[in-house]
Amino acid sequence: MDTTLKSVTLQNREFLKDTAYAGGELTGFYKDNNIYRIYKSAAASFRVELSEYYYKKKQLIFVHKKISEYVYNDSSKKYDYTKINITFSGFYYFNNEKLIDSKISIQNNFSRKSYNPERNLLEESKVALEFIAEMINSLK
């Protein structure tokens, strides 16, 4: 809610290295040298992933991850890009790089047993933070 925060945004291939994604956006909100929030959206042919990372004193404290999938039309054998359903929504709380709590409100295969939210979200956050920090430094 801090209106004094500045923002920087990277588009598509500036941060998306996974060729499965058709496009996306990575926006960091910062003041001085502190990044407080990063918003990431990445779209594939059949779904959209949204992630929000929040930081306090340069440490990840919260992640909200949401996945929405386009409705597949069996008769036309195509995705209907006018219809989308939320298929996963998770809230993750961190302290000192440790996952301390999580709440899953909608569950799909993203929450499969092989997925390690602590490891994966910390890594995703670290990569996003590096991209945003590099962009901020390039502006100075």
N, C-alpha and C. Protein backbone atom coordinates (compact mmCIF):
# COMPACT_ATOMS: atom_id res chain seq x y z
N MET A 1 0.81 -1.19 0.00
CA MET A 1 0.00 0.00 0.00
C MET A 1 0.86 1.27 0.00
N ASP A 2 2.15 1.10 0.05
CA ASP A 2 3.07 2.24 0.07
C ASP A 2 3.11 2.88 -1.31
N THR A 3 2.61 4.09 -1.42
CA THR A 3 2.55 4.79 -2.71
C THR A 3 3.89 5.39 -3.13
N THR A 4 4.89 5.32 -2.26
CA THR A 4 6.20 5.85 -2.61
C THR A 4 7.09 4.82 -3.30
N LEU A 5 6.61 3.59 -3.40
CA LEU A 5 7.40 2.56 -4.06
C LEU A 5 7.48 2.83 -5.56
N LYS A 6 8.65 2.58 -6.13
CA LYS A 6 8.84 2.65 -7.58
C LYS A 6 8.69 1.24 -8.13
N SER A 7 8.51 1.14 -9.43
CA SER A 7 8.38 -0.19 -10.03
C SER A 7 9.22 -0.29 -11.31
N VAL A 8 9.64 -1.50 -11.59
CA VAL A 8 10.31 -1.85 -12.85
C VAL A 8 9.64 -3.11 -13.37
N THR A 9 9.56 -3.22 -14.69
CA THR A 9 8.89 -4.38 -15.29
C THR A 9 9.75 -4.96 -16.40
N LEU A 10 9.84 -6.27 -16.40
CA LEU A 10 10.49 -7.00 -17.48
C LEU A 10 9.40 -7.75 -18.23
N GLN A 11 9.58 -7.87 -19.54
CA GLN A 11 8.59 -8.52 -20.39
C GLN A 11 9.16 -9.79 -21.01
N ASN A 12 8.35 -10.80 -21.09
CA ASN A 12 8.58 -12.02 -21.85
C ASN A 12 9.99 -12.60 -21.72
N ARG A 13 10.71 -12.64 -22.79
CA ARG A 13 12.02 -13.31 -22.81
C ARG A 13 13.11 -12.59 -22.02
N GLU A 14 12.79 -11.41 -21.50
CA GLU A 14 13.76 -10.72 -20.63
C GLU A 14 13.94 -11.51 -19.34
N PHE A 15 12.96 -12.32 -18.97
CA PHE A 15 13.08 -13.11 -17.74
C PHE A 15 12.60 -14.55 -17.91
N LEU A 16 11.81 -14.85 -18.93
CA LEU A 16 11.28 -16.21 -19.13
C LEU A 16 12.27 -17.03 -19.95
N LYS A 17 12.91 -17.96 -19.32
CA LYS A 17 13.87 -18.81 -20.03
C LYS A 17 13.24 -20.12 -20.46
N ASP A 18 12.13 -20.50 -19.81
CA ASP A 18 11.43 -21.74 -20.13
C ASP A 18 10.61 -21.52 -21.40
N THR A 19 10.91 -22.26 -22.45
CA THR A 19 10.24 -22.05 -23.73
C THR A 19 8.79 -22.54 -23.72
N ALA A 20 8.36 -23.19 -22.65
CA ALA A 20 6.96 -23.61 -22.56
C ALA A 20 6.02 -22.42 -22.38
N TYR A 21 6.57 -21.31 -21.93
CA TYR A 21 5.74 -20.13 -21.68
C TYR A 21 5.69 -19.24 -22.91
N ALA A 22 4.48 -18.78 -23.22
CA ALA A 22 4.27 -17.93 -24.40
C ALA A 22 4.61 -16.48 -24.11
N GLY A 23 4.53 -16.10 -22.85
CA GLY A 23 4.82 -14.71 -22.50
C GLY A 23 4.54 -14.46 -21.05
N GLY A 24 4.93 -13.28 -20.61
CA GLY A 24 4.69 -12.96 -19.21
C GLY A 24 5.24 -11.60 -18.84
N GLU A 25 5.18 -11.35 -17.55
CA GLU A 25 5.61 -10.06 -17.02
C GLU A 25 6.15 -10.27 -15.61
N LEU A 26 7.21 -9.55 -15.30
CA LEU A 26 7.81 -9.60 -13.97
C LEU A 26 7.96 -8.15 -13.52
N THR A 27 7.27 -7.79 -12.45
CA THR A 27 7.29 -6.42 -11.95
C THR A 27 7.77 -6.40 -10.51
N GLY A 28 8.76 -5.57 -10.25
CA GLY A 28 9.27 -5.41 -8.90
C GLY A 28 8.93 -4.05 -8.35
N PHE A 29 8.57 -4.01 -7.08
CA PHE A 29 8.25 -2.76 -6.39
C PHE A 29 9.32 -2.53 -5.34
N TYR A 30 9.94 -1.35 -5.37
CA TYR A 30 11.10 -1.11 -4.53
C TYR A 30 11.17 0.34 -4.06
N LYS A 31 11.99 0.54 -3.05
CA LYS A 31 12.33 1.88 -2.57
C LYS A 31 13.78 1.80 -2.12
N ASP A 32 14.59 2.77 -2.56
CA ASP A 32 16.02 2.75 -2.31
C ASP A 32 16.57 1.43 -2.85
N ASN A 33 17.26 0.66 -2.05
CA ASN A 33 17.80 -0.63 -2.52
C ASN A 33 16.99 -1.81 -2.01
N ASN A 34 15.81 -1.56 -1.49
CA ASN A 34 14.99 -2.63 -0.93
C ASN A 34 13.82 -2.98 -1.85
N ILE A 35 13.74 -4.25 -2.20
CA ILE A 35 12.64 -4.75 -3.00
C ILE A 35 11.61 -5.30 -2.02
N TYR A 36 10.36 -4.83 -2.16
CA TYR A 36 9.31 -5.22 -1.22
C TYR A 36 8.34 -6.24 -1.79
N ARG A 37 8.13 -6.19 -3.10
CA ARG A 37 7.16 -7.08 -3.71
C ARG A 37 7.56 -7.34 -5.15
N ILE A 38 7.33 -8.58 -5.59
CA ILE A 38 7.51 -8.93 -7.00
C ILE A 38 6.25 -9.65 -7.46
N TYR A 39 5.75 -9.21 -8.60
CA TYR A 39 4.58 -9.83 -9.22
C TYR A 39 5.04 -10.48 -10.51
N LYS A 40 4.70 -11.76 -10.68
CA LYS A 40 5.11 -12.49 -11.88
C LYS A 40 3.88 -13.14 -12.51
N SER A 41 3.74 -12.95 -13.81
CA SER A 41 2.72 -13.68 -14.56
C SER A 41 3.42 -14.37 -15.72
N ALA A 42 3.00 -15.59 -15.98
CA ALA A 42 3.57 -16.35 -17.09
C ALA A 42 2.45 -17.16 -17.72
N ALA A 43 2.29 -17.03 -19.03
CA ALA A 43 1.21 -17.71 -19.74
C ALA A 43 1.76 -18.79 -20.66
N ALA A 44 1.12 -19.93 -20.63
CA ALA A 44 1.40 -21.02 -21.57
C ALA A 44 0.15 -21.17 -22.45
N SER A 45 0.18 -22.11 -23.36
CA SER A 45 -0.95 -22.25 -24.28
C SER A 45 -2.23 -22.65 -23.56
N PHE A 46 -2.12 -23.27 -22.40
CA PHE A 46 -3.32 -23.77 -21.74
C PHE A 46 -3.53 -23.22 -20.33
N ARG A 47 -2.59 -22.41 -19.83
CA ARG A 47 -2.77 -21.90 -18.47
C ARG A 47 -1.99 -20.62 -18.23
N VAL A 48 -2.32 -19.97 -17.12
CA VAL A 48 -1.64 -18.76 -16.68
C VAL A 48 -1.24 -18.97 -15.23
N GLU A 49 0.03 -18.70 -14.93
CA GLU A 49 0.52 -18.78 -13.55
C GLU A 49 0.80 -17.38 -13.04
N LEU A 50 0.30 -17.08 -11.86
CA LEU A 50 0.56 -15.81 -11.20
C LEU A 50 1.24 -16.08 -9.88
N SER A 51 2.28 -15.33 -9.59
CA SER A 51 2.98 -15.47 -8.31
C SER A 51 3.25 -14.08 -7.77
N GLU A 52 3.05 -13.92 -6.48
CA GLU A 52 3.38 -12.68 -5.79
C GLU A 52 4.33 -13.04 -4.65
N TYR A 53 5.48 -12.37 -4.63
CA TYR A 53 6.50 -12.59 -3.60
C TYR A 53 6.61 -11.32 -2.78
N TYR A 54 6.62 -11.46 -1.47
CA TYR A 54 6.75 -10.31 -0.57
C TYR A 54 8.01 -10.49 0.27
N TYR A 55 8.71 -9.38 0.50
CA TYR A 55 9.99 -9.41 1.21
C TYR A 55 9.99 -8.42 2.36
N LYS A 56 10.72 -8.78 3.38
CA LYS A 56 10.98 -7.87 4.49
C LYS A 56 12.46 -8.01 4.81
N LYS A 57 13.15 -6.88 4.79
CA LYS A 57 14.60 -6.87 5.02
C LYS A 57 15.31 -7.88 4.13
N LYS A 58 14.92 -7.85 2.84
CA LYS A 58 15.53 -8.66 1.78
C LYS A 58 15.31 -10.16 1.96
N GLN A 59 14.38 -10.54 2.81
CA GLN A 59 14.07 -11.97 3.01
C GLN A 59 12.63 -12.24 2.58
N LEU A 60 12.44 -13.36 1.90
CA LEU A 60 11.10 -13.76 1.49
C LEU A 60 10.25 -14.04 2.72
N ILE A 61 9.04 -13.44 2.76
CA ILE A 61 8.16 -13.69 3.90
C ILE A 61 6.82 -14.29 3.48
N PHE A 62 6.42 -14.08 2.21
CA PHE A 62 5.10 -14.56 1.80
C PHE A 62 5.07 -14.76 0.29
N VAL A 63 4.36 -15.82 -0.13
CA VAL A 63 4.14 -16.07 -1.56
C VAL A 63 2.67 -16.45 -1.75
N HIS A 64 2.06 -15.85 -2.74
CA HIS A 64 0.73 -16.30 -3.19
C HIS A 64 0.91 -16.79 -4.61
N LYS A 65 0.55 -18.04 -4.85
CA LYS A 65 0.67 -18.63 -6.18
C LYS A 65 -0.71 -19.06 -6.63
N LYS A 66 -1.06 -18.67 -7.87
CA LYS A 66 -2.36 -19.02 -8.42
C LYS A 66 -2.16 -19.51 -9.85
N ILE A 67 -2.83 -20.61 -10.17
CA ILE A 67 -2.79 -21.16 -11.53
C ILE A 67 -4.22 -21.22 -12.05
N SER A 68 -4.40 -20.70 -13.25
CA SER A 68 -5.69 -20.76 -13.93
C SER A 68 -5.49 -21.47 -15.26
N GLU A 69 -6.46 -22.30 -15.62
CA GLU A 69 -6.36 -23.05 -16.87
C GLU A 69 -7.52 -22.70 -17.79
N TYR A 70 -7.20 -22.59 -19.07
CA TYR A 70 -8.24 -22.35 -20.06
C TYR A 70 -9.08 -23.61 -20.20
N VAL A 71 -10.35 -23.42 -20.51
CA VAL A 71 -11.28 -24.54 -20.65
C VAL A 71 -11.04 -25.19 -22.01
N TYR A 72 -10.90 -26.51 -21.99
CA TYR A 72 -10.70 -27.26 -23.23
C TYR A 72 -12.05 -27.69 -23.78
N ASN A 73 -12.29 -27.39 -25.04
CA ASN A 73 -13.53 -27.76 -25.70
C ASN A 73 -13.31 -29.10 -26.41
N ASP A 74 -13.95 -30.15 -25.90
CA ASP A 74 -13.77 -31.49 -26.47
C ASP A 74 -14.26 -31.60 -27.91
N SER A 75 -15.33 -30.90 -28.23
CA SER A 75 -15.87 -31.02 -29.59
C SER A 75 -14.97 -30.34 -30.62
N SER A 76 -14.40 -29.18 -30.29
CA SER A 76 -13.53 -28.49 -31.25
C SER A 76 -12.06 -28.91 -31.09
N LYS A 77 -11.75 -29.61 -30.00
CA LYS A 77 -10.38 -30.05 -29.71
C LYS A 77 -9.42 -28.87 -29.57
N LYS A 78 -9.95 -27.76 -29.02
CA LYS A 78 -9.15 -26.55 -28.82
C LYS A 78 -9.47 -25.94 -27.47
N TYR A 79 -8.55 -25.12 -27.00
CA TYR A 79 -8.80 -24.38 -25.77
C TYR A 79 -9.66 -23.17 -26.09
N ASP A 80 -10.58 -22.88 -25.19
CA ASP A 80 -11.44 -21.71 -25.32
C ASP A 80 -10.79 -20.60 -24.49
N TYR A 81 -10.15 -19.65 -25.15
CA TYR A 81 -9.40 -18.61 -24.46
C TYR A 81 -10.29 -17.52 -23.88
N THR A 82 -11.60 -17.68 -24.01
CA THR A 82 -12.53 -16.75 -23.37
C THR A 82 -13.00 -17.29 -22.02
N LYS A 83 -12.64 -18.54 -21.71
CA LYS A 83 -13.07 -19.16 -20.45
C LYS A 83 -11.85 -19.70 -19.71
N ILE A 84 -11.75 -19.32 -18.44
CA ILE A 84 -10.61 -19.74 -17.64
C ILE A 84 -11.08 -20.06 -16.22
N ASN A 85 -10.53 -21.11 -15.64
CA ASN A 85 -10.88 -21.51 -14.27
C ASN A 85 -9.65 -21.51 -13.39
N ILE A 86 -9.81 -21.04 -12.18
CA ILE A 86 -8.71 -21.13 -11.21
C ILE A 86 -8.61 -22.58 -10.77
N THR A 87 -7.43 -23.18 -10.96
CA THR A 87 -7.26 -24.59 -10.61
C THR A 87 -6.32 -24.81 -9.43
N PHE A 88 -5.64 -23.74 -9.01
CA PHE A 88 -4.77 -23.85 -7.84
C PHE A 88 -4.61 -22.47 -7.22
N SER A 89 -4.66 -22.44 -5.89
CA SER A 89 -4.37 -21.20 -5.16
C SER A 89 -3.73 -21.59 -3.84
N GLY A 90 -2.51 -21.10 -3.64
CA GLY A 90 -1.79 -21.43 -2.41
C GLY A 90 -1.15 -20.20 -1.80
N PHE A 91 -1.12 -20.19 -0.47
CA PHE A 91 -0.53 -19.10 0.30
C PHE A 91 0.57 -19.70 1.17
N TYR A 92 1.77 -19.13 1.09
CA TYR A 92 2.94 -19.70 1.77
C TYR A 92 3.62 -18.63 2.61
N TYR A 93 3.93 -18.98 3.84
CA TYR A 93 4.53 -18.04 4.79
C TYR A 93 5.93 -18.53 5.15
N PHE A 94 6.91 -17.62 5.08
CA PHE A 94 8.30 -17.96 5.32
C PHE A 94 8.89 -17.13 6.45
N ASN A 95 9.87 -17.71 7.13
CA ASN A 95 10.66 -17.00 8.13
C ASN A 95 12.07 -17.57 8.07
N ASN A 96 13.05 -16.71 7.86
CA ASN A 96 14.45 -17.14 7.75
C ASN A 96 14.64 -18.27 6.74
N GLU A 97 14.04 -18.08 5.56
CA GLU A 97 14.13 -19.03 4.45
C GLU A 97 13.59 -20.42 4.79
N LYS A 98 12.65 -20.47 5.71
CA LYS A 98 11.98 -21.72 6.07
C LYS A 98 10.48 -21.52 5.90
N LEU A 99 9.84 -22.49 5.29
CA LEU A 99 8.39 -22.45 5.15
C LEU A 99 7.79 -22.75 6.52
N ILE A 100 7.02 -21.79 7.06
CA ILE A 100 6.47 -21.97 8.40
C ILE A 100 4.98 -22.28 8.39
N ASP A 101 4.29 -21.97 7.27
CA ASP A 101 2.87 -22.27 7.19
C ASP A 101 2.44 -22.17 5.73
N SER A 102 1.39 -22.89 5.39
CA SER A 102 0.83 -22.79 4.05
C SER A 102 -0.66 -23.08 4.12
N LYS A 103 -1.37 -22.48 3.19
CA LYS A 103 -2.81 -22.71 3.08
C LYS A 103 -3.12 -22.88 1.60
N ILE A 104 -3.69 -24.02 1.28
CA ILE A 104 -4.07 -24.31 -0.10
C ILE A 104 -5.58 -24.19 -0.17
N SER A 105 -6.08 -23.24 -0.97
CA SER A 105 -7.53 -23.06 -1.03
C SER A 105 -8.16 -23.79 -2.22
N ILE A 106 -7.39 -23.97 -3.28
CA ILE A 106 -7.84 -24.75 -4.45
C ILE A 106 -6.66 -25.61 -4.85
N GLN A 107 -6.90 -26.89 -5.10
CA GLN A 107 -5.80 -27.81 -5.31
C GLN A 107 -5.91 -28.51 -6.67
N ASN A 108 -4.78 -28.64 -7.36
CA ASN A 108 -4.69 -29.43 -8.59
C ASN A 108 -3.38 -30.20 -8.57
N ASN A 109 -2.89 -30.63 -9.74
CA ASN A 109 -1.64 -31.40 -9.73
C ASN A 109 -0.45 -30.56 -9.33
N PHE A 110 -0.58 -29.24 -9.31
CA PHE A 110 0.53 -28.41 -8.85
C PHE A 110 0.91 -28.78 -7.43
N SER A 111 -0.06 -29.26 -6.67
CA SER A 111 0.19 -29.62 -5.27
C SER A 111 0.59 -31.09 -5.13
N ARG A 112 1.06 -31.69 -6.22
CA ARG A 112 1.46 -33.09 -6.19
C ARG A 112 2.53 -33.33 -5.13
N LYS A 113 2.65 -34.56 -4.71
CA LYS A 113 3.56 -34.90 -3.61
C LYS A 113 5.02 -34.63 -3.94
N SER A 114 5.40 -34.69 -5.21
CA SER A 114 6.80 -34.47 -5.58
C SER A 114 7.19 -32.99 -5.54
N TYR A 115 6.20 -32.11 -5.46
CA TYR A 115 6.49 -30.67 -5.42
C TYR A 115 6.90 -30.29 -4.01
N ASN A 116 8.03 -29.61 -3.89
CA ASN A 116 8.53 -29.16 -2.60
C ASN A 116 8.38 -27.64 -2.56
N PRO A 117 7.30 -27.14 -1.94
CA PRO A 117 7.06 -25.69 -1.99
C PRO A 117 8.18 -24.87 -1.37
N GLU A 118 8.76 -25.33 -0.29
CA GLU A 118 9.83 -24.54 0.33
C GLU A 118 10.99 -24.36 -0.64
N ARG A 119 11.49 -25.45 -1.16
CA ARG A 119 12.63 -25.39 -2.09
C ARG A 119 12.27 -24.64 -3.37
N ASN A 120 11.15 -25.02 -4.00
CA ASN A 120 10.78 -24.44 -5.29
C ASN A 120 10.46 -22.95 -5.19
N LEU A 121 9.69 -22.56 -4.20
CA LEU A 121 9.32 -21.15 -4.07
C LEU A 121 10.51 -20.28 -3.70
N LEU A 122 11.39 -20.78 -2.84
CA LEU A 122 12.61 -20.02 -2.51
C LEU A 122 13.47 -19.83 -3.76
N GLU A 123 13.58 -20.87 -4.57
CA GLU A 123 14.37 -20.77 -5.80
C GLU A 123 13.72 -19.81 -6.80
N GLU A 124 12.41 -19.94 -7.01
CA GLU A 124 11.70 -19.03 -7.92
C GLU A 124 11.86 -17.59 -7.46
N SER A 125 11.71 -17.38 -6.17
CA SER A 125 11.83 -16.04 -5.60
C SER A 125 13.23 -15.48 -5.81
N LYS A 126 14.23 -16.31 -5.60
CA LYS A 126 15.62 -15.89 -5.76
C LYS A 126 15.89 -15.45 -7.20
N VAL A 127 15.42 -16.22 -8.15
CA VAL A 127 15.61 -15.89 -9.57
C VAL A 127 14.90 -14.58 -9.90
N ALA A 128 13.65 -14.43 -9.46
CA ALA A 128 12.90 -13.21 -9.72
C ALA A 128 13.59 -12.00 -9.08
N LEU A 129 14.07 -12.17 -7.86
CA LEU A 129 14.76 -11.10 -7.14
C LEU A 129 16.02 -10.67 -7.89
N GLU A 130 16.76 -11.63 -8.43
CA GLU A 130 17.98 -11.31 -9.18
C GLU A 130 17.66 -10.51 -10.44
N PHE A 131 16.61 -10.91 -11.16
CA PHE A 131 16.22 -10.17 -12.37
C PHE A 131 15.83 -8.74 -12.03
N ILE A 132 15.02 -8.58 -10.99
CA ILE A 132 14.56 -7.24 -10.61
C ILE A 132 15.73 -6.39 -10.11
N ALA A 133 16.59 -6.97 -9.28
CA ALA A 133 17.75 -6.22 -8.76
C ALA A 133 18.65 -5.77 -9.90
N GLU A 134 18.85 -6.65 -10.89
CA GLU A 134 19.68 -6.29 -12.05
C GLU A 134 19.04 -5.14 -12.83
N MET A 135 17.74 -5.18 -12.99
CA MET A 135 17.04 -4.12 -13.71
C MET A 135 17.14 -2.80 -12.95
N ILE A 136 16.96 -2.83 -11.64
CA ILE A 136 17.06 -1.62 -10.82
C ILE A 136 18.47 -1.05 -10.92
N ASN A 137 19.48 -1.90 -10.83
CA ASN A 137 20.88 -1.43 -10.92
C ASN A 137 21.18 -0.82 -12.28
N SER A 138 20.55 -1.33 -13.33
CA SER A 138 20.80 -0.79 -14.67
C SER A 138 20.22 0.62 -14.84
N LEU A 139 19.26 0.98 -13.97
CA LEU A 139 18.65 2.29 -14.04
C LEU A 139 19.49 3.36 -13.35
N LYS A 140 20.42 2.95 -12.53
CA LYS A 140 21.24 3.91 -11.76
C LYS A 140 22.37 4.47 -12.58
